[in-house]
C-alpha atoms as a PDB file:
ATOM      1  CA  MET A   1       6.293 -52.076  -8.216  1.00  0.00           C
ATOM      2  CA  LYS A   2       9.962 -52.676  -7.325  1.00  0.00           C
ATOM      3  CA  GLU A   3      11.648 -49.979  -5.150  1.00  0.00           C
ATOM      4  CA  TYR A   4      14.092 -48.863  -7.958  1.00  0.00           C
ATOM      5  CA  GLU A   5      11.234 -48.266 -10.198  1.00  0.00           C
ATOM      6  CA  ARG A   6       9.543 -46.150  -7.426  1.00  0.00           C
ATOM      7  CA  LYS A   7      12.735 -44.158  -7.190  1.00  0.00           C
ATOM      8  CA  GLN A   8      13.026 -43.623 -10.976  1.00  0.00           C
ATOM      9  CA  LEU A   9       9.477 -42.328 -10.931  1.00  0.00           C
ATOM     10  CA  LEU A  10      10.034 -39.991  -7.977  1.00  0.00           C
ATOM     11  CA  GLU A  11      13.163 -38.718  -9.718  1.00  0.00           C
ATOM     12  CA  ARG A  12      11.128 -37.719 -12.717  1.00  0.00           C
ATOM     13  CA  VAL A  13       8.671 -35.712 -10.555  1.00  0.00           C
ATOM     14  CA  GLU A  14      11.459 -33.860  -8.849  1.00  0.00           C
ATOM     15  CA  ARG A  15      13.571 -33.244 -11.940  1.00  0.00           C
ATOM     16  CA  GLU A  16      14.103 -29.505 -12.402  1.00  0.00           C
ATOM     17  CA  GLY A  17      12.779 -29.406 -16.098  1.00  0.00           C
ATOM     18  CA  ALA A  18      10.022 -31.994 -15.522  1.00  0.00           C
ATOM     19  CA  THR A  19       7.441 -29.633 -16.743  1.00  0.00           C
ATOM     20  CA  VAL A  20       9.177 -28.666 -20.011  1.00  0.00           C
ATOM     21  CA  GLY A  21       6.906 -30.033 -22.762  1.00  0.00           C
ATOM     22  CA  ALA A  22       4.376 -31.504 -20.150  1.00  0.00           C
ATOM     23  CA  ASP A  23       0.672 -30.794 -20.738  1.00  0.00           C
ATOM     24  CA  ILE A  24      -1.606 -29.428 -18.241  1.00  0.00           C
ATOM     25  CA  PRO A  25      -4.405 -32.216 -17.500  1.00  0.00           C
ATOM     26  CA  GLU A  26      -7.661 -31.581 -19.271  1.00  0.00           C
ATOM     27  CA  THR A  27      -9.521 -32.559 -16.008  1.00  0.00           C
ATOM     28  CA  ILE A  28      -8.385 -33.484 -12.657  1.00  0.00           C
ATOM     29  CA  ASP A  29     -10.158 -34.703  -9.487  1.00  0.00           C
ATOM     30  CA  VAL A  30      -9.219 -32.396  -6.490  1.00  0.00           C
ATOM     31  CA  GLN A  31     -10.794 -33.232  -3.208  1.00  0.00           C
ATOM     32  CA  GLY A  32     -13.394 -35.497  -4.758  1.00  0.00           C
ATOM     33  CA  GLU A  33     -14.423 -32.722  -7.314  1.00  0.00           C
ATOM     34  CA  SER A  34     -13.764 -32.846 -11.007  1.00  0.00           C
ATOM     35  CA  ILE A  35     -12.019 -29.758 -12.329  1.00  0.00           C
ATOM     36  CA  ASP A  36     -11.590 -28.621 -15.887  1.00  0.00           C
ATOM     37  CA  LEU A  37      -7.934 -27.603 -15.163  1.00  0.00           C
ATOM     38  CA  ARG A  38      -6.743 -26.827 -18.601  1.00  0.00           C
ATOM     39  CA  GLU A  39      -9.582 -24.503 -19.365  1.00  0.00           C
ATOM     40  CA  PHE A  40      -9.281 -22.771 -15.973  1.00  0.00           C
ATOM     41  CA  VAL A  41      -5.588 -21.990 -16.358  1.00  0.00           C
ATOM     42  CA  PHE A  42      -5.985 -20.921 -19.993  1.00  0.00           C
ATOM     43  CA  GLU A  43      -8.969 -18.638 -19.057  1.00  0.00           C
ATOM     44  CA  ILE A  44      -6.980 -17.006 -16.288  1.00  0.00           C
ATOM     45  CA  LYS A  45      -3.744 -16.654 -18.340  1.00  0.00           C
ATOM     46  CA  ARG A  46      -5.828 -14.968 -21.309  1.00  0.00           C
ATOM     47  CA  ARG A  47      -6.559 -11.907 -19.084  1.00  0.00           C
ATOM     48  CA  ASP A  48      -4.070  -9.098 -18.915  1.00  0.00           C
ATOM     49  CA  THR A  49      -4.889  -8.647 -15.203  1.00  0.00           C
ATOM     50  CA  VAL A  50      -6.595 -10.776 -12.566  1.00  0.00           C
ATOM     51  CA  PRO A  51      -9.331  -8.818 -10.694  1.00  0.00           C
ATOM     52  CA  SER A  52      -9.355  -9.067  -7.038  1.00  0.00           C
ATOM     53  CA  GLY A  53     -12.411 -11.503  -6.972  1.00  0.00           C
ATOM     54  CA  GLU A  54     -10.678 -13.802  -9.325  1.00  0.00           C
ATOM     55  CA  ARG A  55      -7.530 -13.497  -7.483  1.00  0.00           C
ATOM     56  CA  ASP A  56      -9.262 -15.344  -4.402  1.00  0.00           C
ATOM     57  CA  ARG A  57     -10.394 -18.143  -6.709  1.00  0.00           C
ATOM     58  CA  VAL A  58      -6.943 -18.519  -8.244  1.00  0.00           C
ATOM     59  CA  ASP A  59      -5.330 -18.663  -4.737  1.00  0.00           C
ATOM     60  CA  ARG A  60      -7.805 -21.281  -3.702  1.00  0.00           C
ATOM     61  CA  ALA A  61      -7.138 -23.343  -6.758  1.00  0.00           C
ATOM     62  CA  LYS A  62      -3.381 -23.035  -6.156  1.00  0.00           C
ATOM     63  CA  LYS A  63      -3.738 -24.204  -2.520  1.00  0.00           C
ATOM     64  CA  ASN A  64      -6.075 -27.196  -3.650  1.00  0.00           C
ATOM     65  CA  LEU A  65      -3.554 -28.089  -6.343  1.00  0.00           C
ATOM     66  CA  ARG A  66      -0.616 -28.083  -3.974  1.00  0.00           C
ATOM     67  CA  ARG A  67      -2.504 -30.259  -1.526  1.00  0.00           C
ATOM     68  CA  GLU A  68      -3.514 -32.742  -4.386  1.00  0.00           C
ATOM     69  CA  ARG A  69       0.065 -32.757  -5.632  1.00  0.00           C
ATOM     70  CA  LEU A  70       1.246 -33.705  -2.263  1.00  0.00           C
ATOM     71  CA  GLN A  71      -1.116 -36.375  -1.852  1.00  0.00           C
ATOM     72  CA  ARG A  72      -0.301 -37.919  -5.136  1.00  0.00           C
ATOM     73  CA  LYS A  73       3.407 -37.692  -4.485  1.00  0.00           C
ATOM     74  CA  GLN A  74       2.983 -39.416  -1.040  1.00  0.00           C
ATOM     75  CA  LEU A  75       0.938 -42.203  -2.861  1.00  0.00           C
ATOM     76  CA  LEU A  76       3.807 -42.529  -5.321  1.00  0.00           C
ATOM     77  CA  GLU A  77       6.251 -42.767  -2.452  1.00  0.00           C
ATOM     78  CA  GLU A  78       4.492 -45.071  -0.130  1.00  0.00           C
ATOM     79  CA  GLY A  79       1.464 -46.642  -1.863  1.00  0.00           C
ATOM     80  CA  ASP A  80       0.857 -50.125  -2.880  1.00  0.00           C
ATOM     81  CA  ILE A  81       0.715 -49.345  -6.558  1.00  0.00           C
ATOM     82  CA  THR A  82       1.530 -50.808  -9.848  1.00  0.00           C
ATOM     83  CA  ARG A  83       4.198 -49.407 -12.340  1.00  0.00           C
ATOM     84  CA  ALA A  84       1.420 -48.144 -14.539  1.00  0.00           C
ATOM     85  CA  GLU A  85      -0.434 -46.608 -11.734  1.00  0.00           C
ATOM     86  CA  GLY A  86       2.836 -44.957 -10.914  1.00  0.00           C
ATOM     87  CA  GLU A  87       3.324 -43.602 -14.377  1.00  0.00           C
ATOM     88  CA  GLU A  88      -0.111 -42.041 -14.156  1.00  0.00           C
ATOM     89  CA  LEU A  89       0.666 -40.469 -10.763  1.00  0.00           C
ATOM     90  CA  VAL A  90       3.822 -38.980 -12.189  1.00  0.00           C
ATOM     91  CA  ASN A  91       2.102 -37.580 -15.296  1.00  0.00           C
ATOM     92  CA  ALA A  92      -0.632 -35.978 -13.068  1.00  0.00           C
ATOM     93  CA  VAL A  93       1.959 -34.539 -10.699  1.00  0.00           C
ATOM     94  CA  VAL A  94       4.001 -33.089 -13.451  1.00  0.00           C
ATOM     95  CA  GLY A  95       0.708 -31.729 -15.032  1.00  0.00           C
ATOM     96  CA  ILE A  96      -0.180 -30.064 -11.810  1.00  0.00           C
ATOM     97  CA  ASP A  97       3.311 -28.555 -11.523  1.00  0.00           C
ATOM     98  CA  ARG A  98       2.825 -27.214 -14.933  1.00  0.00           C
ATOM     99  CA  ALA A  99      -0.512 -25.643 -13.953  1.00  0.00           C
ATOM    100  CA  LEU A 100       0.937 -24.154 -10.817  1.00  0.00           C
ATOM    101  CA  ASN A 101       3.786 -22.637 -12.607  1.00  0.00           C
ATOM    102  CA  ALA A 102       1.279 -20.959 -15.043  1.00  0.00           C
ATOM    103  CA  LEU A 103      -0.831 -19.656 -12.248  1.00  0.00           C
ATOM    104  CA  GLN A 104       2.221 -18.617 -10.052  1.00  0.00           C
ATOM    105  CA  ASN A 105       3.466 -16.172 -12.960  1.00  0.00           C
ATOM    106  CA  LEU A 106       0.346 -14.091 -13.223  1.00  0.00           C
ATOM    107  CA  GLY A 107       0.659 -10.239 -13.479  1.00  0.00           C
ATOM    108  CA  PRO A 108      -0.332  -7.639 -11.078  1.00  0.00           C
ATOM    109  CA  THR A 109      -3.975  -7.927  -9.751  1.00  0.00           C
ATOM    110  CA  ASP A 110      -5.096  -4.358 -10.107  1.00  0.00           C
ATOM    111  CA  LEU A 111      -3.102  -2.091 -12.419  1.00  0.00           C
ATOM    112  CA  GLU A 112      -5.309   0.953 -11.499  1.00  0.00           C
ATOM    113  CA  ARG A 113      -4.691   0.706  -7.846  1.00  0.00           C
ATOM    114  CA  GLU A 114      -0.972   0.033  -8.466  1.00  0.00           C
ATOM    115  CA  GLU A 115      -0.756   3.160 -10.719  1.00  0.00           C
ATOM    116  CA  GLN A 116      -2.336   5.352  -7.939  1.00  0.00           C
ATOM    117  CA  ALA A 117      -0.134   4.108  -5.376  1.00  0.00           C
ATOM    118  CA  GLN A 118       2.969   4.758  -7.536  1.00  0.00           C
ATOM    119  CA  GLU A 119       1.756   8.290  -8.388  1.00  0.00           C
ATOM    120  CA  ALA A 120       1.054   9.010  -4.572  1.00  0.00           C
ATOM    121  CA  ALA A 121       4.765   7.807  -3.839  1.00  0.00           C
ATOM    122  CA  ASP A 122       6.029   9.950  -6.633  1.00  0.00           C
ATOM    123  CA  ARG A 123       4.173  12.994  -5.319  1.00  0.00           C
ATOM    124  CA  LYS A 124       5.437  12.481  -1.829  1.00  0.00           C
ATOM    125  CA  ARG A 125       9.108  12.133  -3.067  1.00  0.00           C
ATOM    126  CA  TRP A 126       8.734  15.237  -5.047  1.00  0.00           C
ATOM    127  CA  MET A 127       7.323  17.309  -2.118  1.00  0.00           C
ATOM    128  CA  SER A 128      10.203  16.108   0.169  1.00  0.00           C
ATOM    129  CA  PHE A 129      12.625  17.087  -2.514  1.00  0.00           C
ATOM    130  CA  LEU A 130      11.065  20.615  -2.993  1.00  0.00           C
ATOM    131  CA  LYS A 131      10.964  21.049   0.784  1.00  0.00           C
ATOM    132  CA  GLN A 132      14.481  20.234   1.244  1.00  0.00           C
ATOM    133  CA  ALA A 133      15.613  22.186  -1.796  1.00  0.00           C
ATOM    134  CA  LEU A 134      13.719  25.406  -0.488  1.00  0.00           C
ATOM    135  CA  GLY A 135      15.070  24.954   2.940  1.00  0.00           C
ATOM    136  CA  ARG A 136      11.528  24.424   4.400  1.00  0.00           C
ATOM    137  CA  ASP A 137      12.162  20.968   5.923  1.00  0.00           C
ATOM    138  CA  ASP A 138      11.144  21.920   9.440  1.00  0.00           C
ATOM    139  CA  ALA A 139       8.001  21.245  11.242  1.00  0.00           C
ATOM    140  CA  SER A 140       6.591  24.893  10.947  1.00  0.00           C
ATOM    141  CA  SER A 141       6.381  24.779   7.265  1.00  0.00           C
ATOM    142  CA  ARG A 142       4.171  21.702   6.980  1.00  0.00           C
ATOM    143  CA  GLY A 143       1.340  22.219   4.479  1.00  0.00           C
ATOM    144  CA  ARG A 144       3.155  25.232   2.782  1.00  0.00           C
ATOM    145  CA  LEU A 145       5.511  25.590  -0.172  1.00  0.00           C
END
């Protein structure tokens, strides 16, 4: 592959809107293991929330996808490859980026825990307000209202 072709392919990978209209690859080899990437991403995205056990799985997948993206991009930058191989690498990297974008934009992991934390914070603010409004904001009035 000629150097200008390599630069064109790298520019396509780095383009801001590169993932627009791109497909998530059906399967991808990551660390020597074949993964049904499209099915995995759609399975995770279908849920309203991601349980904490699944969150670990998603985080591992994102880490492995980032590593695979970097390796493929480095091969595109420095490897002794043909133009056709370069095109395949670009499509794979853009597909990985699309999958990573989908996995990055997941909602909260545990709505119940988040709601409890919000209620506790509201109660604390309310108690603080009441103490201040009633003039009981000193150390001797703790626990009483």
